[in-house]
């Protein structure tokens, strides 16, 4: 109303003041876009005014910086604060410089740029000490404590917080003393009017009590702010631990893959070794059979030779007894017999020599076979030790993966939480592997319920990594940034996956398909958005499929190529909705949906 009147009167100074006050109202209502609009309009009008009120310009630039900080746009906050700083430097007001440096330190601190936060904080403390401004100094000490706490230097944080409390108590005491001095002066001036003084004293006591209560509330608010900062620090540490856990799980995945490859290689080597042992045993058996056969042949030949010798001796005796008179014939026959025996012996010796040679070859091959057998046994013992180590490593990795399963279960919403928000709901979740690439998510904000059923690229450990990324991004988009429009959630999730996997710089094309529903209980409707995964909708015993956009979350599609759509479905008591991954319909015997 004031702004309207000042515009009708063309009172630029009053318009600037009204615009600035409206901007303040929107800031406290957390409508930062409207606040920025009015502050900018006030600043532009101030620039055109003949009265170049530098103090007013500094105030509006500081207001803009604070609003941009609350909005999370730290570059714009720093830009406006630096413009205000330039104007203050021209004025040469060191107290204002100390205050603006402290505000810059706070902005850099909220942006987690602790290096620049420390630099501006030190300048603020130095200037506040120079002008002996205890109020700015105690605020700067508090900022120092927050910065050192963020840097995990708790000793320094405690020291600066003590300095902040000491100055705060000192300022409070000075304020009370000034109030008492004013009361004393008023009492001396108006002591002749006792009745009036009594009433004024009572009012002053009430006012002091009210101020005391205000100070007490401010103290409680500051303590609550400190506790909130500590909780944020704890959350940051948990996030860092989560990143470290993800790095360990990735290393475990690599080790598991290498172990599986090594295990298959060892199994092939073991099969080859067993086949070699079997072949050697068969060869050894063949050699033994051959050696036994040769020994039998040698014995048979020896027996034949002995029989021949006996027959020859009998023939010789017969010739001697029967044909003594035939000397020449007998001698001739004896010579023939001797020649025949000599030939037989030579043949027998040659045969024996060949048999001996074969025996030596068999013994040499038997010795070589024994050596090979010893080497194979040594290799078998070595493989046995290696298999033990591999089995132990496998058990360790298996234990780690089961631990990862417990972590993934803890990440997923609890059944009791789902039943509390959606009493007439059910959940079917049966991972194929120990950990799963499918996951589900639930969040409740601004009287709306957001539910997600997602199917990530890959199975087992790789899929589980993707599910962790999807869960964290949904927490950030819906719960932290309070984005509750179904299509916008998918657009932001797509951008987040591409950033997390650096898909603009690498060839990575992983992503996820999902179905998302926003249940608006107040408006009695369900808003659906899907990335390749549809939603089944049943009404009046008739089944209808609400198709999804044919685009995945993440992958090769650029951010400017993606724009998901949404569908509004009235929520009635007889309606039934199903969202799911492809795990159910891909089972044998289940008809594709």
Protein backbone atom coordinates (compact mmCIF):
# COMPACT_ATOMS: atom_id res chain seq x y z
CA UNK A 1 0.00 0.00 0.00
CA UNK A 2 2.83 2.41 0.89
CA UNK A 3 4.58 1.56 -2.40
CA UNK A 4 1.38 2.30 -4.32
CA UNK A 5 0.95 5.69 -2.60
CA UNK A 6 4.61 6.64 -3.12
CA UNK A 7 4.35 5.80 -6.84
CA UNK A 8 1.24 7.99 -7.16
CA UNK A 9 3.13 10.88 -5.50
CA UNK A 10 6.31 10.13 -7.54
CA UNK A 11 8.24 10.14 -4.25
CA UNK A 12 11.39 8.26 -5.31
CA UNK A 13 12.93 8.18 -1.82
CA UNK A 14 9.75 6.71 -0.33
CA UNK A 15 9.50 4.26 -3.26
CA UNK A 16 13.09 3.05 -2.63
CA UNK A 17 12.30 2.49 1.06
CA UNK A 18 9.02 0.67 0.28
CA UNK A 19 10.62 -1.55 -2.38
CA UNK A 20 13.41 -2.46 0.04
CA UNK A 21 10.88 -3.32 2.78
CA UNK A 22 8.78 -5.49 0.43
CA UNK A 23 11.98 -7.31 -0.56
CA UNK A 24 12.66 -7.94 3.13
CA UNK A 25 9.17 -9.37 3.58
CA UNK A 26 9.69 -11.83 0.71
CA UNK A 27 13.11 -12.78 2.08
CA UNK A 28 11.61 -13.80 5.41
CA UNK A 29 8.85 -15.68 3.57
CA UNK A 30 11.70 -17.53 1.71
CA UNK A 31 10.30 -16.37 -1.65
CA UNK A 32 13.78 -15.45 -2.83
CA UNK A 33 12.89 -14.83 -6.49
CA UNK A 34 10.40 -12.08 -5.52
CA UNK A 35 12.83 -10.67 -2.94
CA UNK A 36 15.58 -10.37 -5.60
CA UNK A 37 13.09 -8.68 -7.96
CA UNK A 38 12.18 -5.93 -5.44
CA UNK A 39 15.75 -5.39 -4.21
CA UNK A 40 16.98 -4.99 -7.81
CA UNK A 41 14.15 -2.55 -8.57
CA UNK A 42 15.03 -0.53 -5.46
CA UNK A 43 18.74 -0.52 -6.35
CA UNK A 44 18.03 0.57 -9.97
CA UNK A 45 15.79 3.41 -8.72
CA UNK A 46 18.49 4.48 -6.26
CA UNK A 47 21.02 4.59 -9.12
CA UNK A 48 18.73 6.93 -11.12
CA UNK A 49 17.98 9.15 -8.13
CA UNK A 50 19.62 12.54 -7.81
CA UNK A 51 20.37 11.74 -4.18
CA UNK A 52 23.18 9.18 -4.44
CA UNK A 53 22.67 7.63 -1.00
CA UNK A 54 25.74 5.38 -0.79
CA UNK A 55 24.64 3.90 2.54
CA UNK A 56 21.32 2.85 0.98
CA UNK A 57 23.13 1.30 -2.02
CA UNK A 58 25.42 -0.67 0.31
CA UNK A 59 22.41 -1.89 2.30
CA UNK A 60 20.56 -3.10 -0.81
CA UNK A 61 23.63 -4.83 -2.26
CA UNK A 62 24.14 -6.60 1.08
CA UNK A 63 20.47 -7.62 1.09
CA UNK A 64 20.83 -9.08 -2.42
CA UNK A 65 23.95 -10.98 -1.36
CA UNK A 66 22.15 -12.49 1.65
CA UNK A 67 19.15 -13.56 -0.49
CA UNK A 68 21.41 -15.18 -3.11
CA UNK A 69 23.23 -16.99 -0.30
CA UNK A 70 19.96 -18.31 1.13
CA UNK A 71 18.98 -19.39 -2.39
CA UNK A 72 22.31 -21.27 -2.73
CA UNK A 73 23.61 -19.06 -5.59
CA UNK A 74 26.99 -18.28 -3.99
CA UNK A 75 28.70 -16.71 -7.07
CA UNK A 76 25.94 -14.03 -7.29
CA UNK A 77 26.08 -13.52 -3.51
CA UNK A 78 29.85 -12.92 -3.65
CA UNK A 79 29.47 -10.60 -6.67
CA UNK A 80 26.94 -8.32 -4.89
CA UNK A 81 28.92 -8.37 -1.65
CA UNK A 82 32.10 -7.31 -3.49
CA UNK A 83 30.20 -4.39 -5.11
CA UNK A 84 29.07 -3.31 -1.64
CA UNK A 85 32.66 -3.65 -0.42
CA UNK A 86 33.91 -1.34 -3.22
CA UNK A 87 31.43 1.36 -2.16
CA UNK A 88 32.48 1.01 1.49
CA UNK A 89 36.17 1.32 0.57
CA UNK A 90 35.39 4.68 -1.11
CA UNK A 91 33.72 5.87 2.11
CA UNK A 92 36.71 4.72 4.19
CA UNK A 93 34.50 3.43 7.01
CA UNK A 94 36.56 0.70 8.69
CA UNK A 95 33.68 -0.52 10.88
CA UNK A 96 31.55 -1.14 7.76
CA UNK A 97 34.56 -2.81 6.11
CA UNK A 98 34.90 -5.15 9.08
CA UNK A 99 31.21 -6.05 8.89
CA UNK A 100 31.24 -6.64 5.10
CA UNK A 101 34.35 -8.84 5.39
CA UNK A 102 32.59 -10.94 8.02
CA UNK A 103 29.56 -11.35 5.70
CA UNK A 104 31.87 -12.43 2.86
CA UNK A 105 33.53 -14.96 5.19
CA UNK A 106 30.10 -16.39 6.06
CA UNK A 107 29.16 -16.73 2.35
CA UNK A 108 32.43 -18.53 1.53
CA UNK A 109 31.93 -20.73 4.62
CA UNK A 110 28.43 -21.76 3.48
CA UNK A 111 29.91 -22.49 0.02
CA UNK A 112 32.49 -24.72 1.80
CA UNK A 113 35.36 -22.54 0.47
CA UNK A 114 37.13 -22.47 3.83
CA UNK A 115 40.32 -20.94 2.46
CA UNK A 116 38.67 -17.67 1.34
CA UNK A 117 36.39 -17.79 4.38
CA UNK A 118 39.47 -17.76 6.64
CA UNK A 119 41.09 -14.85 4.68
CA UNK A 120 38.06 -12.53 4.95
CA UNK A 121 37.44 -13.59 8.55
CA UNK A 122 40.99 -12.56 9.51
CA UNK A 123 40.51 -9.15 7.78
CA UNK A 124 37.23 -8.66 9.64
CA UNK A 125 38.83 -9.40 13.04
CA UNK A 126 41.78 -7.09 12.29
CA UNK A 127 39.53 -4.14 11.28
CA UNK A 128 37.11 -4.72 14.20
CA UNK A 129 40.06 -4.60 16.62
CA UNK A 130 41.34 -1.40 14.93
CA UNK A 131 38.03 0.43 15.44
CA UNK A 132 37.39 -1.36 18.77
CA UNK A 133 33.91 -2.47 17.64
CA UNK A 134 33.08 -5.25 20.08
CA UNK A 135 29.79 -6.13 18.36
CA UNK A 136 31.43 -6.89 15.00
CA UNK A 137 34.38 -8.56 16.74
CA UNK A 138 32.19 -11.02 18.66
CA UNK A 139 30.33 -11.89 15.42
CA UNK A 140 33.66 -12.46 13.62
CA UNK A 141 34.88 -14.68 16.46
CA UNK A 142 31.75 -16.79 16.08
CA UNK A 143 32.44 -17.13 12.31
CA UNK A 144 36.03 -18.17 13.12
CA UNK A 145 34.75 -20.90 15.44
CA UNK A 146 32.46 -22.26 12.70
CA UNK A 147 35.27 -22.25 10.09
CA UNK A 148 37.73 -24.09 12.36
CA UNK A 149 35.02 -26.57 13.33
CA UNK A 150 34.43 -27.28 9.62
CA UNK A 151 38.20 -27.83 9.23
CA UNK A 152 38.09 -30.32 12.19
CA UNK A 153 40.41 -28.03 14.22
CA UNK A 154 38.21 -28.26 17.30
CA UNK A 155 40.78 -26.74 19.65
CA UNK A 156 40.91 -23.47 17.67
CA UNK A 157 37.14 -23.58 17.22
CA UNK A 158 36.68 -23.80 20.99
CA UNK A 159 39.11 -20.91 21.64
CA UNK A 160 37.31 -18.57 19.23
CA UNK A 161 33.92 -19.61 20.53
CA UNK A 162 35.05 -18.74 24.06
CA UNK A 163 36.18 -15.30 22.79
CA UNK A 164 32.78 -14.88 21.11
CA UNK A 165 30.91 -15.76 24.32
CA UNK A 166 33.14 -13.48 26.42
CA UNK A 167 32.46 -10.47 24.15
CA UNK A 168 28.78 -11.35 23.95
CA UNK A 169 28.50 -11.37 27.76
CA UNK A 170 30.50 -8.13 27.93
CA UNK A 171 28.19 -6.41 25.43
CA UNK A 172 25.14 -7.68 27.29
CA UNK A 173 26.58 -6.30 30.54
CA UNK A 174 27.33 -2.92 28.93
CA UNK A 175 23.82 -2.79 27.57
CA UNK A 176 22.37 -3.48 31.00
CA UNK A 177 24.66 -0.85 32.58
CA UNK A 178 23.53 1.75 30.02
CA UNK A 179 19.94 0.89 30.80
CA UNK A 180 20.63 1.29 34.52
CA UNK A 181 22.37 4.66 33.92
CA UNK A 182 19.37 5.89 31.94
CA UNK A 183 17.07 4.75 34.72
CA UNK A 184 19.22 6.53 37.32
CA UNK A 185 19.23 9.77 35.31
CA UNK A 186 15.52 9.59 34.82
CA UNK A 187 15.04 8.98 38.52
CA UNK A 188 17.14 12.04 39.44
CA UNK A 189 15.37 14.30 36.93
CA UNK A 190 11.83 13.25 37.88
CA UNK A 191 12.21 12.37 41.56
CA UNK A 192 9.91 15.25 42.52
CA UNK A 193 7.09 13.45 40.78
CA UNK A 194 7.11 10.33 42.93
CA UNK A 195 3.88 8.86 41.70
CA UNK A 196 4.87 9.22 38.04
CA UNK A 197 8.35 7.88 38.75
CA UNK A 198 6.86 4.80 40.40
CA UNK A 199 4.80 4.03 37.31
CA UNK A 200 7.76 4.64 35.01
CA UNK A 201 9.96 2.38 37.16
CA UNK A 202 7.39 -0.39 36.95
CA UNK A 203 7.26 -0.02 33.17
CA UNK A 204 11.06 -0.06 32.99
CA UNK A 205 11.17 -3.22 35.08
CA UNK A 206 8.66 -4.84 32.72
CA UNK A 207 10.69 -3.63 29.75
CA UNK A 208 13.90 -5.01 31.24
CA UNK A 209 12.18 -8.32 31.89
CA UNK A 210 10.93 -8.38 28.30
CA UNK A 211 14.43 -7.61 27.00
CA UNK A 212 15.85 -10.29 29.26
CA UNK A 213 13.40 -12.78 27.78
CA UNK A 214 14.31 -11.63 24.25
CA UNK A 215 18.01 -12.09 25.01
CA UNK A 216 17.28 -15.52 26.44
CA UNK A 217 15.40 -16.47 23.25
CA UNK A 218 18.28 -15.18 21.11
CA UNK A 219 20.69 -17.27 23.14
CA UNK A 220 18.52 -20.37 22.65
CA UNK A 221 18.29 -19.66 18.91
CA UNK A 222 22.08 -19.36 18.66
CA UNK A 223 22.54 -22.60 20.57
CA UNK A 224 20.06 -24.29 18.22
CA UNK A 225 21.96 -22.90 15.20
CA UNK A 226 25.22 -24.27 16.61
CA UNK A 227 23.59 -27.68 17.15
CA UNK A 228 22.28 -27.60 13.57
CA UNK A 229 25.80 -26.86 12.28
CA UNK A 230 27.16 -29.79 14.27
CA UNK A 231 24.49 -32.03 12.72
CA UNK A 232 25.46 -30.78 9.25
CA UNK A 233 29.11 -31.59 10.03
CA UNK A 234 28.09 -35.07 11.12
CA UNK A 235 26.15 -35.49 7.89
CA UNK A 236 29.20 -34.38 5.88
CA UNK A 237 31.38 -36.92 7.68
CA UNK A 238 28.83 -39.66 7.02
CA UNK A 239 28.79 -38.68 3.34
CA UNK A 240 32.61 -38.90 3.26
CA UNK A 241 32.47 -42.32 4.91
CA UNK A 242 29.86 -43.38 2.32
CA UNK A 243 32.22 -42.33 -0.51
CA UNK A 244 35.05 -44.32 1.11
CA UNK A 245 32.73 -47.32 1.43
CA UNK A 246 31.82 -47.06 -2.26
CA UNK A 247 35.54 -46.91 -3.16
CA UNK A 248 36.19 -50.10 -1.10
CA UNK A 249 33.23 -51.88 -2.71
CA UNK A 250 34.57 -50.98 -6.18
CA UNK A 251 37.98 -52.44 -5.23
CA UNK A 252 36.20 -55.58 -3.97
CA UNK A 253 34.37 -55.87 -7.29
CA UNK A 254 37.65 -55.70 -9.22
CA UNK A 255 39.23 -58.26 -6.88
CA UNK A 256 36.22 -60.57 -7.24
CA UNK A 257 36.43 -60.41 -11.05
CA UNK A 258 40.17 -61.11 -10.99
CA UNK A 259 39.63 -63.95 -8.52
CA UNK A 260 36.96 -65.54 -10.70
CA UNK A 261 39.29 -65.34 -13.75
CA UNK A 262 42.21 -66.83 -11.80
CA UNK A 263 39.98 -69.55 -10.39
CA UNK A 264 38.83 -70.62 -13.86
CA UNK A 265 42.44 -70.61 -15.08
CA UNK A 266 43.51 -72.76 -12.15
CA UNK A 267 40.67 -75.19 -12.81
CA UNK A 268 41.83 -75.60 -16.43
CA UNK A 269 45.45 -76.15 -15.29
CA UNK A 270 44.26 -78.70 -12.73
CA UNK A 271 42.30 -80.61 -15.39
CA UNK A 272 45.32 -80.60 -17.70
CA UNK A 273 47.54 -81.84 -14.87
CA UNK A 274 45.12 -84.66 -14.00
CA UNK A 275 44.98 -85.68 -17.69
CA UNK A 276 48.81 -85.69 -17.86
CA UNK A 277 49.02 -87.84 -14.71
CA UNK A 278 46.46 -90.23 -16.17
CA UNK A 279 48.40 -90.47 -19.46
CA UNK A 280 51.67 -91.07 -17.60
CA UNK A 281 50.10 -93.80 -15.50
CA UNK A 282 48.77 -95.50 -18.65
CA UNK A 283 52.20 -95.28 -20.31
CA UNK A 284 53.86 -96.65 -17.20
CA UNK A 285 51.42 -99.57 -17.15
CA UNK A 286 52.09 -100.25 -20.84
CA UNK A 287 55.86 -100.28 -20.24
CA UNK A 288 55.47 -102.64 -17.29
CA UNK A 289 53.32 -105.00 -19.40
CA UNK A 290 55.85 -104.89 -22.23
CA UNK A 291 58.74 -105.60 -19.82
CA UNK A 292 56.87 -108.56 -18.32
CA UNK A 293 56.12 -109.92 -21.80
CA UNK A 294 59.80 -109.65 -22.78
CA UNK A 295 60.90 -111.47 -19.63
CA UNK A 296 58.44 -114.30 -20.43
CA UNK A 297 59.79 -114.53 -23.99
CA UNK A 298 63.35 -114.64 -22.66
CA UNK A 299 62.49 -117.51 -20.29
CA UNK A 300 60.79 -119.42 -23.11
CA UNK A 301 63.87 -118.97 -25.33
CA UNK A 302 66.16 -120.12 -22.50
CA UNK A 303 64.08 -123.26 -21.97
CA UNK A 304 64.17 -124.01 -25.73
CA UNK A 305 67.95 -123.58 -25.72
CA UNK A 306 68.40 -126.00 -22.82
CA UNK A 307 66.18 -128.57 -24.56
CA UNK A 308 68.27 -128.27 -27.73
CA UNK A 309 71.47 -128.71 -25.74
CA UNK A 310 70.14 -131.91 -24.08
CA UNK A 311 69.02 -133.32 -27.41
CA UNK A 312 72.42 -132.54 -28.96
CA UNK A 313 74.23 -134.31 -26.11
CA UNK A 314 72.00 -137.40 -26.54
CA UNK A 315 72.62 -137.37 -30.26
CA UNK A 316 76.37 -137.14 -29.67
CA UNK A 317 76.33 -140.11 -27.29
CA UNK A 318 74.28 -142.16 -29.73
CA UNK A 319 76.71 -141.36 -32.47
CA UNK A 320 79.68 -142.33 -30.29
CA UNK A 321 78.12 -145.66 -29.16
CA UNK A 322 76.52 -146.53 -32.49
CA UNK A 323 79.04 -145.44 -35.01
CA UNK A 324 82.55 -145.82 -33.52
CA UNK A 325 83.68 -147.42 -36.69
CA UNK A 326 82.68 -144.66 -38.83
CA UNK A 327 85.32 -142.23 -37.48
CA UNK A 328 85.53 -139.99 -40.40
CA UNK A 329 81.74 -139.73 -40.58
CA UNK A 330 81.44 -139.13 -36.84
CA UNK A 331 84.15 -136.44 -36.92
CA UNK A 332 82.35 -134.86 -39.85
CA UNK A 333 79.06 -135.02 -37.98
CA UNK A 334 80.68 -133.62 -34.81
CA UNK A 335 82.15 -130.72 -36.77
CA UNK A 336 78.73 -130.04 -38.30
CA UNK A 337 77.14 -130.18 -34.86
CA UNK A 338 79.75 -127.83 -33.41
CA UNK A 339 79.22 -125.36 -36.23
CA UNK A 340 75.47 -125.60 -35.78
CA UNK A 341 75.76 -125.03 -32.01
CA UNK A 342 78.09 -122.08 -32.54
CA UNK A 343 75.58 -120.51 -34.91
CA UNK A 344 72.78 -121.12 -32.47
CA UNK A 345 74.78 -119.59 -29.60
CA UNK A 346 75.61 -116.52 -31.68
CA UNK A 347 71.94 -116.07 -32.49
CA UNK A 348 71.03 -116.57 -28.84
CA UNK A 349 73.64 -114.04 -27.66
CA UNK A 350 72.40 -111.51 -30.21
CA UNK A 351 68.85 -112.10 -28.98
CA UNK A 352 69.97 -111.74 -25.35
CA UNK A 353 71.84 -108.53 -26.21
CA UNK A 354 68.71 -107.08 -27.86
CA UNK A 355 66.59 -108.08 -24.84
CA UNK A 356 69.13 -106.45 -22.48
CA UNK A 357 69.04 -103.28 -24.56
CA UNK A 358 65.24 -103.20 -24.43
CA UNK A 359 65.42 -103.79 -20.68
CA UNK A 360 67.84 -100.84 -20.30
CA UNK A 361 65.47 -98.63 -22.36
CA UNK A 362 62.52 -99.68 -20.19
CA UNK A 363 64.48 -98.94 -16.99
CA UNK A 364 65.55 -95.55 -18.38
CA UNK A 365 61.95 -94.66 -19.35
CA UNK A 366 60.75 -95.91 -15.97
CA UNK A 367 63.26 -93.63 -14.25
CA UNK A 368 62.14 -90.67 -16.38
CA UNK A 369 58.52 -91.53 -15.60
CA UNK A 370 59.29 -91.56 -11.86
CA UNK A 371 60.95 -88.14 -12.19
CA UNK A 372 57.92 -86.76 -14.08
CA UNK A 373 55.62 -88.24 -11.45
CA UNK A 374 57.66 -86.55 -8.69
CA UNK A 375 57.46 -83.22 -10.54
CA UNK A 376 53.71 -83.60 -11.02
CA UNK A 377 53.26 -84.38 -7.32
CA UNK A 378 55.31 -81.28 -6.44
CA UNK A 379 53.11 -79.19 -8.78
CA UNK A 380 50.03 -80.77 -7.22
CA UNK A 381 51.25 -79.78 -3.74
CA UNK A 382 51.96 -76.24 -4.95
CA UNK A 383 48.51 -76.05 -6.56
CA UNK A 384 46.97 -77.34 -3.35
CA UNK A 385 48.58 -74.43 -1.43
CA UNK A 386 47.46 -71.96 -4.11
CA UNK A 387 43.92 -73.34 -4.04
CA UNK A 388 43.85 -72.85 -0.28
CA UNK A 389 44.85 -69.20 -0.67
CA UNK A 390 42.32 -68.71 -3.46
CA UNK A 391 39.56 -70.29 -1.39
CA UNK A 392 40.43 -68.06 1.56
CA UNK A 393 40.44 -64.95 -0.65
CA UNK A 394 37.12 -66.06 -2.14
CA UNK A 395 35.59 -66.47 1.32
CA UNK A 396 36.88 -63.02 2.37
CA UNK A 397 35.36 -61.38 -0.72
CA UNK A 398 32.12 -63.32 -0.24
CA UNK A 399 31.95 -62.05 3.34
CA UNK A 400 32.54 -58.48 2.13
CA UNK A 401 29.76 -58.79 -0.46
CA UNK A 402 27.36 -60.04 2.23
CA UNK A 403 28.33 -57.00 4.29
CA UNK A 404 27.55 -54.85 1.25
CA UNK A 405 24.13 -56.55 1.15
CA UNK A 406 23.45 -55.39 4.72
CA UNK A 407 24.43 -51.85 3.75
CA UNK A 408 22.10 -51.91 0.72
CA UNK A 409 19.22 -53.23 2.86
CA UNK A 410 19.79 -50.41 5.34
CA UNK A 411 19.62 -47.90 2.46
CA UNK A 412 16.22 -49.14 1.24
CA UNK A 413 13.01 -47.91 2.97
CA UNK A 414 11.85 -50.16 5.81
CA UNK A 415 8.60 -52.10 5.44
CA UNK A 416 7.18 -50.34 8.49
CA UNK A 417 7.92 -46.94 6.92
CA UNK A 418 6.15 -47.92 3.69
CA UNK A 419 3.13 -49.32 5.56
CA UNK A 420 2.90 -46.16 7.64
CA UNK A 421 2.74 -43.92 4.56
CA UNK A 422 0.84 -46.36 2.28
CA UNK A 423 -1.14 -48.81 4.46
CA UNK A 424 -2.75 -50.67 1.52
CA UNK A 425 0.50 -51.37 -0.33
CA UNK A 426 2.73 -54.39 -0.85
CA UNK A 427 6.36 -54.94 -1.87
CA UNK A 428 7.99 -57.90 -3.68
CA UNK A 429 11.81 -57.68 -3.64
CA UNK A 430 13.87 -60.85 -4.36
CA UNK A 431 17.37 -60.04 -5.69
CA UNK A 432 18.87 -62.64 -8.06
CA UNK A 433 22.39 -62.07 -6.62
CA UNK A 434 23.52 -61.22 -3.10
CA UNK A 435 23.25 -57.51 -3.86
CA UNK A 436 20.80 -56.08 -6.37
CA UNK A 437 20.76 -53.67 -9.28
CA UNK A 438 17.03 -53.03 -8.70
CA UNK A 439 15.98 -50.74 -5.87
CA UNK A 440 12.95 -48.90 -4.56
CA UNK A 441 12.67 -45.47 -2.89
CA UNK A 442 10.06 -43.55 -0.90
CA UNK A 443 9.93 -39.95 0.27
CA UNK A 444 7.23 -37.78 1.86
CA UNK A 445 7.29 -33.98 1.51
CA UNK A 446 4.68 -31.19 1.45
CA UNK A 447 1.74 -33.61 1.90
CA UNK A 448 2.93 -35.58 -1.14
CA UNK A 449 4.39 -39.09 -1.33
CA UNK A 450 7.02 -39.90 -3.97
CA UNK A 451 7.63 -43.61 -4.74
CA UNK A 452 10.11 -45.11 -7.22
CA UNK A 453 10.79 -48.61 -8.61
CA UNK A 454 14.10 -48.60 -10.51
CA UNK A 455 16.10 -51.07 -12.62
CA UNK A 456 19.82 -50.17 -12.87
CA UNK A 457 22.30 -51.26 -15.53
CA UNK A 458 23.93 -54.59 -14.63
CA UNK A 459 23.36 -57.16 -11.88
CA UNK A 460 25.09 -57.92 -8.59
CA UNK A 461 27.81 -55.56 -7.36
CA UNK A 462 27.87 -53.24 -10.46
CA UNK A 463 24.09 -52.83 -10.29
CA UNK A 464 24.29 -52.22 -6.53
CA UNK A 465 26.75 -49.35 -7.12
CA UNK A 466 24.26 -47.78 -9.53
CA UNK A 467 21.45 -48.22 -6.99
CA UNK A 468 23.50 -46.30 -4.38
CA UNK A 469 23.99 -43.44 -6.86
CA UNK A 470 20.25 -43.39 -7.69
CA UNK A 471 19.23 -43.45 -3.99
CA UNK A 472 21.57 -40.55 -3.08
CA UNK A 473 20.44 -38.44 -6.05
CA UNK A 474 16.74 -38.95 -5.17
CA UNK A 475 17.45 -37.91 -1.56
CA UNK A 476 19.14 -34.74 -2.83
CA UNK A 477 16.53 -33.85 -5.50
CA UNK A 478 13.34 -34.54 -3.51
CA UNK A 479 14.23 -34.20 0.17
CA UNK A 480 17.02 -31.58 0.03
CA UNK A 481 16.04 -29.47 -3.00
CA UNK A 482 12.27 -30.10 -2.52
CA UNK A 483 11.57 -30.80 -6.22
CA UNK A 484 8.25 -32.68 -6.24
CA UNK A 485 7.08 -32.49 -9.89
CA UNK A 486 7.34 -35.99 -11.40
CA UNK A 487 8.83 -34.96 -14.76
CA UNK A 488 11.28 -32.50 -13.16
CA UNK A 489 12.53 -35.21 -10.76
CA UNK A 490 13.39 -37.47 -13.73
CA UNK A 491 15.07 -34.60 -15.61
CA UNK A 492 17.25 -33.76 -12.59
CA UNK A 493 17.97 -37.45 -11.94
CA UNK A 494 19.18 -37.85 -15.55
CA UNK A 495 21.52 -34.86 -15.15
CA UNK A 496 22.76 -36.16 -11.79
CA UNK A 497 23.60 -39.65 -13.15
CA UNK A 498 25.48 -38.19 -16.11
CA UNK A 499 27.47 -35.91 -13.79
CA UNK A 500 28.19 -38.66 -11.26
CA UNK A 501 29.50 -41.03 -13.97
CA UNK A 502 31.22 -38.20 -15.95
CA UNK A 503 29.46 -39.36 -19.12
CA UNK A 504 30.32 -36.15 -20.98
CA UNK A 505 34.05 -36.96 -20.67
CA UNK A 506 34.05 -40.78 -20.73
CA UNK A 507 32.48 -43.57 -22.79
CA UNK A 508 30.41 -44.75 -19.83
CA UNK A 509 26.77 -45.42 -20.84
CA UNK A 510 25.36 -46.89 -17.62
CA UNK A 511 22.03 -45.70 -16.31
CA UNK A 512 18.65 -46.95 -15.11
CA UNK A 513 15.03 -47.46 -16.12
CA UNK A 514 12.38 -46.54 -13.57
CA UNK A 515 8.76 -45.72 -12.85
CA UNK A 516 7.95 -42.81 -10.49
CA UNK A 517 4.66 -41.78 -8.89
CA UNK A 518 3.82 -38.64 -6.92
CA UNK A 519 0.72 -39.28 -4.78
CA UNK A 520 -1.11 -36.04 -3.97
CA UNK A 521 -3.47 -36.91 -1.13
CA UNK A 522 -4.81 -33.37 -0.95
CA UNK A 523 -5.80 -33.26 -4.64
CA UNK A 524 -6.66 -37.01 -4.77
CA UNK A 525 -4.51 -37.76 -7.79
CA UNK A 526 -1.46 -39.77 -8.87
CA UNK A 527 1.10 -38.11 -11.15
CA UNK A 528 3.21 -40.66 -13.08
CA UNK A 529 6.48 -40.23 -15.00
CA UNK A 530 8.52 -43.12 -16.41
CA UNK A 531 11.86 -43.82 -18.05
CA UNK A 532 11.14 -46.92 -20.21
CA UNK A 533 9.25 -48.64 -17.31
CA UNK A 534 5.41 -48.40 -17.55
CA UNK A 535 2.76 -48.35 -14.81
CA UNK A 536 -0.19 -50.75 -14.63
CA UNK A 537 -3.48 -49.05 -13.73
CA UNK A 538 -6.62 -51.08 -12.83
CA UNK A 539 -10.05 -49.48 -12.55
CA UNK A 540 -13.46 -51.22 -12.62
CA UNK A 541 -11.67 -54.57 -13.14
CA UNK A 542 -10.14 -53.29 -16.39
CA UNK A 543 -6.37 -53.22 -16.84
CA UNK A 544 -4.66 -50.35 -18.61
CA UNK A 545 -0.93 -49.75 -19.25
CA UNK A 546 0.33 -46.19 -18.90
CA UNK A 547 3.34 -46.09 -21.19
CA UNK A 548 6.66 -44.53 -20.21
CA UNK A 549 8.92 -42.20 -22.20
CA UNK A 550 11.31 -44.25 -24.37
CA UNK A 551 14.36 -42.66 -22.75
CA UNK A 552 16.55 -44.05 -19.95
CA UNK A 553 18.02 -42.18 -17.01
CA UNK A 554 21.68 -41.52 -17.87
CA UNK A 555 23.41 -43.15 -20.83
CA UNK A 556 24.38 -41.56 -24.12
CA UNK A 557 21.54 -39.01 -24.34
CA UNK A 558 22.76 -35.44 -23.72
CA UNK A 559 21.04 -33.30 -21.07
CA UNK A 560 19.48 -30.96 -23.68
CA UNK A 561 18.00 -33.99 -25.50
CA UNK A 562 16.01 -35.17 -22.47
CA UNK A 563 12.57 -33.92 -21.47
CA UNK A 564 10.37 -36.35 -19.57
CA UNK A 565 6.57 -36.07 -19.54
CA UNK A 566 4.01 -36.75 -16.80
CA UNK A 567 0.43 -38.10 -16.63
CA UNK A 568 -2.28 -37.21 -14.11
CA UNK A 569 -4.61 -40.01 -12.94
CA UNK A 570 -7.52 -39.34 -10.54
CA UNK A 571 -7.13 -41.27 -7.30
CA UNK A 572 -10.24 -43.28 -6.44
CA UNK A 573 -10.82 -45.83 -3.73
CA UNK A 574 -11.27 -48.76 -6.15
CA UNK A 575 -8.09 -47.96 -8.13
CA UNK A 576 -5.01 -50.19 -8.05
CA UNK A 577 -1.54 -49.17 -9.28
CA UNK A 578 1.56 -51.32 -9.94
CA UNK A 579 5.10 -50.13 -10.69
CA UNK A 580 7.95 -52.60 -11.18
CA UNK A 581 11.31 -53.40 -12.77
CA UNK A 582 11.72 -56.03 -15.51
CA UNK A 583 12.78 -58.69 -12.99
CA UNK A 584 9.27 -60.13 -12.56
CA UNK A 585 8.17 -60.28 -16.19
CA UNK A 586 11.53 -61.81 -17.30
CA UNK A 587 10.95 -64.97 -15.22
CA UNK A 588 10.22 -68.23 -17.08
CA UNK A 589 6.51 -68.93 -17.39
CA UNK A 590 5.45 -65.30 -16.81
CA UNK A 591 3.69 -63.61 -19.70
CA UNK A 592 5.37 -60.39 -20.86
CA UNK A 593 3.44 -57.26 -19.94
